[in-house]
PDB file of N, CA and C in Angstrom:
ATOM      1  N   MET A   1       1.118  -1.224   0.059  1.00  0.00           N
ATOM      2  CA  MET A   1      -0.059  -0.252  -0.004  1.00  0.00           C
ATOM      3  C   MET A   1       0.923   1.215   0.113  1.00  0.00           C
ATOM      4  N   GLN A   2       0.229   2.233  -0.971  1.00  0.00           N
ATOM      5  CA  GLN A   2       1.581   3.251  -1.480  1.00  0.00           C
ATOM      6  C   GLN A   2       0.816   4.808  -0.228  1.00  0.00           C
ATOM      7  N   PRO A   3       1.397   5.770   0.445  1.00  0.00           N
ATOM      8  CA  PRO A   3       0.516   6.268   1.159  1.00  0.00           C
ATOM      9  C   PRO A   3      -0.121   7.928  -0.702  1.00  0.00           C
ATOM     10  N   VAL A   4      -0.766   8.587  -0.221  1.00  0.00           N
ATOM     11  CA  VAL A   4      -1.577   8.757  -1.584  1.00  0.00           C
ATOM     12  C   VAL A   4      -1.051  10.091  -2.320  1.00  0.00           C
ATOM     13  N   TYR A   5      -0.156  10.849  -1.060  1.00  0.00           N
ATOM     14  CA  TYR A   5       0.475  11.646  -0.648  1.00  0.00           C
ATOM     15  C   TYR A   5       1.533  11.762  -1.607  1.00  0.00           C
ATOM     16  N   THR A   6       2.218  10.420  -2.115  1.00  0.00           N
ATOM     17  CA  THR A   6       3.485  10.163  -3.380  1.00  0.00           C
ATOM     18  C   THR A   6       3.492  10.628  -4.492  1.00  0.00           C
ATOM     19  N   SER A   7       1.867  10.570  -4.704  1.00  0.00           N
ATOM     20  CA  SER A   7       1.925  11.307  -6.385  1.00  0.00           C
ATOM     21  C   SER A   7       2.095  12.837  -6.005  1.00  0.00           C
ATOM     22  N   LEU A   8       1.689  13.737  -5.382  1.00  0.00           N
ATOM     23  CA  LEU A   8       1.984  15.208  -5.036  1.00  0.00           C
ATOM     24  C   LEU A   8       2.853  14.992  -5.911  1.00  0.00           C
ATOM     25  N   LYS A   9       3.219  16.512  -6.449  1.00  0.00           N
ATOM     26  CA  LYS A   9       4.345  17.264  -7.006  1.00  0.00           C
ATOM     27  C   LYS A   9       4.573  18.171  -5.768  1.00  0.00           C
ATOM     28  N   VAL A  10       5.776  18.212  -5.112  1.00  0.00           N
ATOM     29  CA  VAL A  10       5.743  19.490  -3.763  1.00  0.00           C
ATOM     30  C   VAL A  10       6.997  20.023  -4.079  1.00  0.00           C
ATOM     31  N   ASN A  11       7.911  20.546  -5.652  1.00  0.00           N
ATOM     32  CA  ASN A  11       8.742  21.130  -5.433  1.00  0.00           C
ATOM     33  C   ASN A  11       8.660  22.535  -6.431  1.00  0.00           C
ATOM     34  N   ASN A  12       7.382  23.248  -5.165  1.00  0.00           N
ATOM     35  CA  ASN A  12       7.173  24.685  -5.777  1.00  0.00           C
ATOM     36  C   ASN A  12       7.787  25.985  -5.307  1.00  0.00           C
ATOM     37  N   GLU A  13       9.350  25.769  -5.366  1.00  0.00           N
ATOM     38  CA  GLU A  13      10.214  26.631  -5.007  1.00  0.00           C
ATOM     39  C   GLU A  13      10.533  27.439  -6.239  1.00  0.00           C
ATOM     40  N   ILE A  14      10.823  28.585  -5.743  1.00  0.00           N
ATOM     41  CA  ILE A  14      11.645  29.232  -6.683  1.00  0.00           C
ATOM     42  C   ILE A  14      13.247  30.569  -5.940  1.00  0.00           C
ATOM     43  N   GLU A  15      13.630  30.785  -7.023  1.00  0.00           N
ATOM     44  CA  GLU A  15      14.796  31.042  -6.326  1.00  0.00           C
ATOM     45  C   GLU A  15      14.452  32.978  -6.294  1.00  0.00           C
ATOM     46  N   LEU A  16      14.581  33.791  -5.526  1.00  0.00           N
ATOM     47  CA  LEU A  16      13.648  34.730  -4.900  1.00  0.00           C
ATOM     48  C   LEU A  16      15.087  35.615  -5.840  1.00  0.00           C
ATOM     49  N   CYS A  17      16.663  35.894  -4.690  1.00  0.00           N
ATOM     50  CA  CYS A  17      17.462  36.676  -5.353  1.00  0.00           C
ATOM     51  C   CYS A  17      18.677  36.334  -5.207  1.00  0.00           C
ATOM     52  N   GLU A  18      19.644  36.448  -5.709  1.00  0.00           N
ATOM     53  CA  GLU A  18      20.595  36.643  -5.061  1.00  0.00           C
ATOM     54  C   GLU A  18      21.626  37.599  -4.410  1.00  0.00           C
ATOM     55  N   VAL A  19      22.332  37.319  -3.486  1.00  0.00           N
ATOM     56  CA  VAL A  19      22.954  38.311  -3.008  1.00  0.00           C
ATOM     57  C   VAL A  19      24.862  37.650  -3.109  1.00  0.00           C
ATOM     58  N   ALA A  20      25.406  38.436  -2.791  1.00  0.00           N
ATOM     59  CA  ALA A  20      26.238  38.920  -2.271  1.00  0.00           C
ATOM     60  C   ALA A  20      27.274  38.688  -1.017  1.00  0.00           C
ATOM     61  N   ASP A  21      26.590  39.890  -0.209  1.00  0.00           N
ATOM     62  CA  ASP A  21      26.870  40.858   0.481  1.00  0.00           C
ATOM     63  C   ASP A  21      26.255  39.960   1.898  1.00  0.00           C
ATOM     64  N   ASP A  22      27.236  39.086   3.094  1.00  0.00           N
ATOM     65  CA  ASP A  22      26.899  38.676   4.088  1.00  0.00           C
ATOM     66  C   ASP A  22      26.185  39.382   4.855  1.00  0.00           C
ATOM     67  N   GLU A  23      26.040  40.646   5.266  1.00  0.00           N
ATOM     68  CA  GLU A  23      25.396  41.582   6.023  1.00  0.00           C
ATOM     69  C   GLU A  23      23.579  41.269   5.644  1.00  0.00           C
ATOM     70  N   CYS A  24      23.814  41.566   3.943  1.00  0.00           N
ATOM     71  CA  CYS A  24      22.709  42.019   3.569  1.00  0.00           C
ATOM     72  C   CYS A  24      21.610  40.481   3.491  1.00  0.00           C
ATOM     73  N   LYS A  25      22.598  39.263   3.567  1.00  0.00           N
ATOM     74  CA  LYS A  25      22.134  38.261   3.847  1.00  0.00           C
ATOM     75  C   LYS A  25      21.316  37.588   5.194  1.00  0.00           C
ATOM     76  N   LYS A  26      22.097  38.405   6.142  1.00  0.00           N
ATOM     77  CA  LYS A  26      21.713  38.157   7.404  1.00  0.00           C
ATOM     78  C   LYS A  26      20.071  39.107   7.390  1.00  0.00           C
ATOM     79  N   LEU A  27      20.412  39.788   7.107  1.00  0.00           N
ATOM     80  CA  LEU A  27      19.187  41.176   7.119  1.00  0.00           C
ATOM     81  C   LEU A  27      17.572  40.556   6.435  1.00  0.00           C
ATOM     82  N   ILE A  28      17.638  39.842   5.351  1.00  0.00           N
ATOM     83  CA  ILE A  28      16.883  39.212   4.652  1.00  0.00           C
ATOM     84  C   ILE A  28      16.522  37.884   5.055  1.00  0.00           C
ATOM     85  N   GLU A  29      17.242  37.094   5.969  1.00  0.00           N
ATOM     86  CA  GLU A  29      16.931  36.159   6.674  1.00  0.00           C
ATOM     87  C   GLU A  29      15.970  36.185   7.757  1.00  0.00           C
ATOM     88  N   LYS A  30      17.200  37.344   9.278  1.00  0.00           N
ATOM     89  CA  LYS A  30      15.633  38.073  10.065  1.00  0.00           C
ATOM     90  C   LYS A  30      14.580  38.159   9.451  1.00  0.00           C
ATOM     91  N   ALA A  31      14.328  39.273   8.335  1.00  0.00           N
ATOM     92  CA  ALA A  31      13.108  39.557   7.611  1.00  0.00           C
ATOM     93  C   ALA A  31      12.436  38.481   7.019  1.00  0.00           C
ATOM     94  N   LEU A  32      12.747  37.526   6.897  1.00  0.00           N
ATOM     95  CA  LEU A  32      11.605  36.344   6.367  1.00  0.00           C
ATOM     96  C   LEU A  32      11.216  35.474   7.618  1.00  0.00           C
ATOM     97  N   LEU A  33      11.746  35.286   8.628  1.00  0.00           N
ATOM     98  CA  LEU A  33      12.205  34.229   9.675  1.00  0.00           C
ATOM     99  C   LEU A  33      11.505  35.433  10.285  1.00  0.00           C
ATOM    100  N   GLU A  34      10.627  37.097  10.627  1.00  0.00           N
ATOM    101  CA  GLU A  34       9.832  37.494  11.384  1.00  0.00           C
ATOM    102  C   GLU A  34       8.311  37.442  10.895  1.00  0.00           C
ATOM    103  N   ASN A  35       8.546  37.417   9.278  1.00  0.00           N
ATOM    104  CA  ASN A  35       7.306  37.397   8.645  1.00  0.00           C
ATOM    105  C   ASN A  35       6.950  36.018   8.605  1.00  0.00           C
ATOM    106  N   ARG A  36       7.670  35.092   8.724  1.00  0.00           N
ATOM    107  CA  ARG A  36       6.968  33.478   8.769  1.00  0.00           C
ATOM    108  C   ARG A  36       7.191  33.346   7.420  1.00  0.00           C
ATOM    109  N   ILE A  37       8.318  33.150   6.561  1.00  0.00           N
ATOM    110  CA  ILE A  37       8.125  32.995   5.284  1.00  0.00           C
ATOM    111  C   ILE A  37       9.524  31.940   4.931  1.00  0.00           C
ATOM    112  N   SER A  38       9.469  30.427   4.844  1.00  0.00           N
ATOM    113  CA  SER A  38       9.886  29.705   4.949  1.00  0.00           C
ATOM    114  C   SER A  38      10.574  29.945   3.871  1.00  0.00           C
ATOM    115  N   TYR A  39      12.494  29.533   3.851  1.00  0.00           N
ATOM    116  CA  TYR A  39      12.933  29.260   2.219  1.00  0.00           C
ATOM    117  C   TYR A  39      14.044  28.684   3.004  1.00  0.00           C
ATOM    118  N   TYR A  40      15.501  28.743   2.183  1.00  0.00           N
ATOM    119  CA  TYR A  40      16.046  27.805   1.974  1.00  0.00           C
ATOM    120  C   TYR A  40      17.635  28.437   1.228  1.00  0.00           C
ATOM    121  N   ILE A  41      18.499  28.316   1.494  1.00  0.00           N
ATOM    122  CA  ILE A  41      19.444  29.229   0.932  1.00  0.00           C
ATOM    123  C   ILE A  41      21.081  28.270   0.602  1.00  0.00           C
ATOM    124  N   ARG A  42      20.482  28.581  -1.064  1.00  0.00           N
ATOM    125  CA  ARG A  42      21.458  27.760  -1.801  1.00  0.00           C
ATOM    126  C   ARG A  42      22.844  28.372  -2.292  1.00  0.00           C
ATOM    127  N   TRP A  43      24.235  27.999  -2.015  1.00  0.00           N
ATOM    128  CA  TRP A  43      25.439  28.445  -1.980  1.00  0.00           C
ATOM    129  C   TRP A  43      25.421  28.257  -3.704  1.00  0.00           C
ATOM    130  N   THR A  44      26.055  29.144  -4.187  1.00  0.00           N
ATOM    131  CA  THR A  44      27.206  29.427  -5.897  1.00  0.00           C
ATOM    132  C   THR A  44      27.963  28.890  -5.652  1.00  0.00           C
ATOM    133  N   LYS A  45      29.276  27.808  -6.737  1.00  0.00           N
ATOM    134  CA  LYS A  45      30.244  27.205  -6.374  1.00  0.00           C
ATOM    135  C   LYS A  45      31.056  29.206  -7.063  1.00  0.00           C
ATOM    136  N   ALA A  46      32.204  29.015  -6.005  1.00  0.00           N
ATOM    137  CA  ALA A  46      33.084  30.203  -6.600  1.00  0.00           C
ATOM    138  C   ALA A  46      33.943  30.223  -7.990  1.00  0.00           C
ATOM    139  N   SER A  47      34.007  31.475  -8.358  1.00  0.00           N
ATOM    140  CA  SER A  47      34.756  31.366  -9.457  1.00  0.00           C
ATOM    141  C   SER A  47      36.581  31.053  -9.487  1.00  0.00           C
ATOM    142  N   PHE A  48      36.895  30.918 -10.388  1.00  0.00           N
ATOM    143  CA  PHE A  48      38.396  30.844 -10.264  1.00  0.00           C
ATOM    144  C   PHE A  48      39.114  32.132 -10.084  1.00  0.00           C
ATOM    145  N   PHE A  49      38.201  33.394 -10.524  1.00  0.00           N
ATOM    146  CA  PHE A  49      38.542  34.612 -10.332  1.00  0.00           C
ATOM    147  C   PHE A  49      38.008  35.205  -9.344  1.00  0.00           C
ATOM    148  N   SER A  50      36.833  34.913  -8.328  1.00  0.00           N
ATOM    149  CA  SER A  50      36.761  35.070  -7.329  1.00  0.00           C
ATOM    150  C   SER A  50      36.498  34.260  -6.451  1.00  0.00           C
ATOM    151  N   LYS A  51      36.599  34.597  -5.358  1.00  0.00           N
ATOM    152  CA  LYS A  51      36.789  33.293  -4.409  1.00  0.00           C
ATOM    153  C   LYS A  51      35.786  33.773  -3.373  1.00  0.00           C
ATOM    154  N   LYS A  52      34.675  34.439  -3.620  1.00  0.00           N
ATOM    155  CA  LYS A  52      33.870  35.007  -2.876  1.00  0.00           C
ATOM    156  C   LYS A  52      32.878  33.994  -3.610  1.00  0.00           C
ATOM    157  N   GLN A  53      31.989  33.782  -2.445  1.00  0.00           N
ATOM    158  CA  GLN A  53      30.441  33.228  -3.234  1.00  0.00           C
ATOM    159  C   GLN A  53      28.980  33.841  -2.970  1.00  0.00           C
ATOM    160  N   ASN A  54      28.800  33.828  -4.050  1.00  0.00           N
ATOM    161  CA  ASN A  54      27.215  34.647  -3.604  1.00  0.00           C
ATOM    162  C   ASN A  54      25.916  33.054  -3.285  1.00  0.00           C
ATOM    163  N   CYS A  55      25.149  33.665  -2.480  1.00  0.00           N
ATOM    164  CA  CYS A  55      24.354  32.284  -2.264  1.00  0.00           C
ATOM    165  C   CYS A  55      22.865  33.166  -2.711  1.00  0.00           C
ATOM    166  N   ILE A  56      22.140  31.625  -3.036  1.00  0.00           N
ATOM    167  CA  ILE A  56      20.603  32.076  -3.621  1.00  0.00           C
ATOM    168  C   ILE A  56      19.356  32.503  -3.094  1.00  0.00           C
ATOM    169  N   ILE A  57      19.098  32.881  -2.300  1.00  0.00           N
ATOM    170  CA  ILE A  57      17.530  32.440  -1.185  1.00  0.00           C
ATOM    171  C   ILE A  57      16.384  32.136  -2.533  1.00  0.00           C
ATOM    172  N   CYS A  58      15.919  30.991  -1.596  1.00  0.00           N
ATOM    173  CA  CYS A  58      14.807  30.371  -2.578  1.00  0.00           C
ATOM    174  C   CYS A  58      13.667  30.808  -1.176  1.00  0.00           C
ATOM    175  N   VAL A  59      12.407  30.546  -1.684  1.00  0.00           N
ATOM    176  CA  VAL A  59      11.136  30.747  -1.066  1.00  0.00           C
ATOM    177  C   VAL A  59      10.197  30.431  -1.466  1.00  0.00           C
ATOM    178  N   ASN A  60       9.026  29.714  -0.799  1.00  0.00           N
ATOM    179  CA  ASN A  60       7.812  29.263  -1.837  1.00  0.00           C
ATOM    180  C   ASN A  60       7.474  29.447  -2.554  1.00  0.00           C
ATOM    181  N   ASP A  61       6.478  29.675  -3.299  1.00  0.00           N
ATOM    182  CA  ASP A  61       6.122  30.352  -4.223  1.00  0.00           C
ATOM    183  C   ASP A  61       4.545  31.082  -4.141  1.00  0.00           C
ATOM    184  N   ASN A  62       3.941  30.381  -2.839  1.00  0.00           N
ATOM    185  CA  ASN A  62       2.870  30.943  -2.627  1.00  0.00           C
ATOM    186  C   ASN A  62       3.484  32.161  -1.506  1.00  0.00           C
ATOM    187  N   SER A  63       4.643  32.336  -1.387  1.00  0.00           N
ATOM    188  CA  SER A  63       4.609  33.185  -0.367  1.00  0.00           C
ATOM    189  C   SER A  63       5.868  34.719  -1.366  1.00  0.00           C
ATOM    190  N   LYS A  64       5.306  34.198  -2.652  1.00  0.00           N
ATOM    191  CA  LYS A  64       6.505  34.904  -3.463  1.00  0.00           C
ATOM    192  C   LYS A  64       6.590  36.796  -3.698  1.00  0.00           C
ATOM    193  N   GLU A  65       5.293  37.149  -3.307  1.00  0.00           N
ATOM    194  CA  GLU A  65       4.975  38.611  -3.637  1.00  0.00           C
ATOM    195  C   GLU A  65       5.614  39.148  -2.502  1.00  0.00           C
ATOM    196  N   VAL A  66       4.957  38.808  -1.740  1.00  0.00           N
ATOM    197  CA  VAL A  66       5.468  38.969   0.253  1.00  0.00           C
ATOM    198  C   VAL A  66       6.999  38.851  -0.220  1.00  0.00           C
ATOM    199  N   ALA A  67       8.268  37.925   0.307  1.00  0.00           N
ATOM    200  CA  ALA A  67       9.223  38.216   0.198  1.00  0.00           C
ATOM    201  C   ALA A  67       9.974  38.873  -0.896  1.00  0.00           C
ATOM    202  N   GLU A  68       9.195  39.275  -1.824  1.00  0.00           N
ATOM    203  CA  GLU A  68       9.799  40.079  -2.841  1.00  0.00           C
ATOM    204  C   GLU A  68       9.784  41.558  -2.578  1.00  0.00           C
ATOM    205  N   ASP A  69       8.416  42.186  -1.553  1.00  0.00           N
ATOM    206  CA  ASP A  69       8.415  42.887  -0.899  1.00  0.00           C
ATOM    207  C   ASP A  69       9.011  43.882   0.368  1.00  0.00           C
ATOM    208  N   LEU A  70       9.539  42.418   0.821  1.00  0.00           N
ATOM    209  CA  LEU A  70      10.927  42.693   1.625  1.00  0.00           C
ATOM    210  C   LEU A  70      12.063  42.733   1.719  1.00  0.00           C
ATOM    211  N   VAL A  71      12.683  41.772   0.673  1.00  0.00           N
ATOM    212  CA  VAL A  71      13.609  42.299   0.287  1.00  0.00           C
ATOM    213  C   VAL A  71      14.085  43.388  -0.286  1.00  0.00           C
ATOM    214  N   ARG A  72      12.896  44.055  -1.187  1.00  0.00           N
ATOM    215  CA  ARG A  72      13.260  45.176  -1.784  1.00  0.00           C
ATOM    216  C   ARG A  72      13.287  46.444  -0.713  1.00  0.00           C
ATOM    217  N   SER A  73      11.947  45.970   0.244  1.00  0.00           N
ATOM    218  CA  SER A  73      12.686  47.126   1.434  1.00  0.00           C
ATOM    219  C   SER A  73      13.899  47.125   1.551  1.00  0.00           C
ATOM    220  N   ILE A  74      14.138  46.258   2.074  1.00  0.00           N
ATOM    221  CA  ILE A  74      15.607  46.388   3.095  1.00  0.00           C
ATOM    222  C   ILE A  74      16.472  46.906   2.147  1.00  0.00           C
ATOM    223  N   CYS A  75      16.689  46.190   0.877  1.00  0.00           N
ATOM    224  CA  CYS A  75      18.260  46.753  -0.007  1.00  0.00           C
ATOM    225  C   CYS A  75      17.118  48.126  -0.833  1.00  0.00           C
ATOM    226  N   ASP A  76      16.380  49.121  -0.762  1.00  0.00           N
ATOM    227  CA  ASP A  76      16.336  50.180  -0.415  1.00  0.00           C
ATOM    228  C   ASP A  76      16.239  50.889   0.812  1.00  0.00           C
ATOM    229  N   GLU A  77      16.286  50.499   1.745  1.00  0.00           N
ATOM    230  CA  GLU A  77      16.650  50.993   2.833  1.00  0.00           C
ATOM    231  C   GLU A  77      18.160  51.008   2.937  1.00  0.00           C
ATOM    232  N   ALA A  78      18.331  50.066   3.204  1.00  0.00           N
ATOM    233  CA  ALA A  78      20.117  49.856   3.687  1.00  0.00           C
ATOM    234  C   ALA A  78      20.810  50.173   2.109  1.00  0.00           C
ATOM    235  N   GLY A  79      20.539  50.280   1.299  1.00  0.00           N
ATOM    236  CA  GLY A  79      21.880  50.255  -0.119  1.00  0.00           C
ATOM    237  C   GLY A  79      22.544  49.150  -0.467  1.00  0.00           C
ATOM    238  N   PHE A  80      21.951  48.296  -0.022  1.00  0.00           N
ATOM    239  CA  PHE A  80      22.605  46.769  -0.313  1.00  0.00           C
ATOM    240  C   PHE A  80      22.071  46.560  -2.168  1.00  0.00           C
ATOM    241  N   ARG A  81      23.179  45.943  -2.910  1.00  0.00           N
ATOM    242  CA  ARG A  81      22.463  45.625  -4.294  1.00  0.00           C
ATOM    243  C   ARG A  81      21.875  43.721  -4.292  1.00  0.00           C
ATOM    244  N   VAL A  82      21.362  43.497  -4.722  1.00  0.00           N
ATOM    245  CA  VAL A  82      20.807  42.086  -4.669  1.00  0.00           C
ATOM    246  C   VAL A  82      19.926  42.240  -6.140  1.00  0.00           C
ATOM    247  N   LYS A  83      20.478  40.785  -6.902  1.00  0.00           N
ATOM    248  CA  LYS A  83      20.018  40.164  -8.169  1.00  0.00           C
ATOM    249  C   LYS A  83      18.953  39.698  -8.196  1.00  0.00           C
ATOM    250  N   PHE A  84      17.195  40.376  -8.372  1.00  0.00           N
ATOM    251  CA  PHE A  84      16.559  39.742  -8.859  1.00  0.00           C
ATOM    252  C   PHE A  84      16.359  38.401  -9.439  1.00  0.00           C
ATOM    253  N   LEU A  85      16.491  37.275  -9.195  1.00  0.00           N
ATOM    254  CA  LEU A  85      16.032  36.437 -10.488  1.00  0.00           C
ATOM    255  C   LEU A  85      14.371  35.584 -10.689  1.00  0.00           C
ATOM    256  N   LEU A  86      13.306  35.543 -10.013  1.00  0.00           N
ATOM    257  CA  LEU A  86      12.593  35.073  -9.912  1.00  0.00           C
ATOM    258  C   LEU A  86      11.778  34.308 -10.785  1.00  0.00           C
ATOM    259  N   ARG A  87      12.685  32.720 -10.849  1.00  0.00           N
ATOM    260  CA  ARG A  87      12.609  32.093 -11.953  1.00  0.00           C
ATOM    261  C   ARG A  87      12.266  30.437 -10.708  1.00  0.00           C
ATOM    262  N   GLN A  88      12.391  29.736 -11.089  1.00  0.00           N
ATOM    263  CA  GLN A  88      11.374  28.282 -10.921  1.00  0.00           C
ATOM    264  C   GLN A  88      12.972  27.239 -10.149  1.00  0.00           C
ATOM    265  N   SER A  89      13.024  26.990  -9.173  1.00  0.00           N
ATOM    266  CA  SER A  89      14.160  26.373  -8.966  1.00  0.00           C
ATOM    267  C   SER A  89      14.848  25.279  -9.469  1.00  0.00           C
ATOM    268  N   THR A  90      15.490  24.758  -9.949  1.00  0.00           N
ATOM    269  CA  THR A  90      15.981  24.273 -10.872  1.00  0.00           C
ATOM    270  C   THR A  90      16.675  22.570  -9.919  1.00  0.00           C
ATOM    271  N   ASN A  91      16.543  23.087  -8.636  1.00  0.00           N
ATOM    272  CA  ASN A  91      16.572  20.985  -7.499  1.00  0.00           C
ATOM    273  C   ASN A  91      15.655  20.545  -7.811  1.00  0.00           C
ATOM    274  N   SER A  92      15.884  18.954  -7.928  1.00  0.00           N
ATOM    275  CA  SER A  92      15.347  17.344  -8.071  1.00  0.00           C
ATOM    276  C   SER A  92      15.522  17.139  -6.960  1.00  0.00           C
ATOM    277  N   TYR A  93      14.828  16.925  -6.481  1.00  0.00           N
ATOM    278  CA  TYR A  93      14.764  15.697  -4.956  1.00  0.00           C
ATOM    279  C   TYR A  93      14.782  13.950  -5.069  1.00  0.00           C
ATOM    280  N   PHE A  94      14.467  13.955  -6.686  1.00  0.00           N
ATOM    281  CA  PHE A  94      13.961  12.266  -7.303  1.00  0.00           C
ATOM    282  C   PHE A  94      14.426  12.189  -7.596  1.00  0.00           C
TER     283      PHE A  94
END
């Protein structure tokens, strides 16, 4: 017997933004947690010329608008540069 939930697709995360500054990442994480938005961070590989790693913050598609507004307000207020991706996450869990 197989559970009903195994046939459901649960991979509905989007890549919200890419952040290079660690202080900006901490502020975004804090804001997402305060607003009870589930997220995860995926680190990009460092290139040969740049040793610094960027992180991609991923959120559920259902909370995309609220998370985007939060990140934009943080970046506008503090002057951080953030690259918004707003695309389907490429992670494959199965």
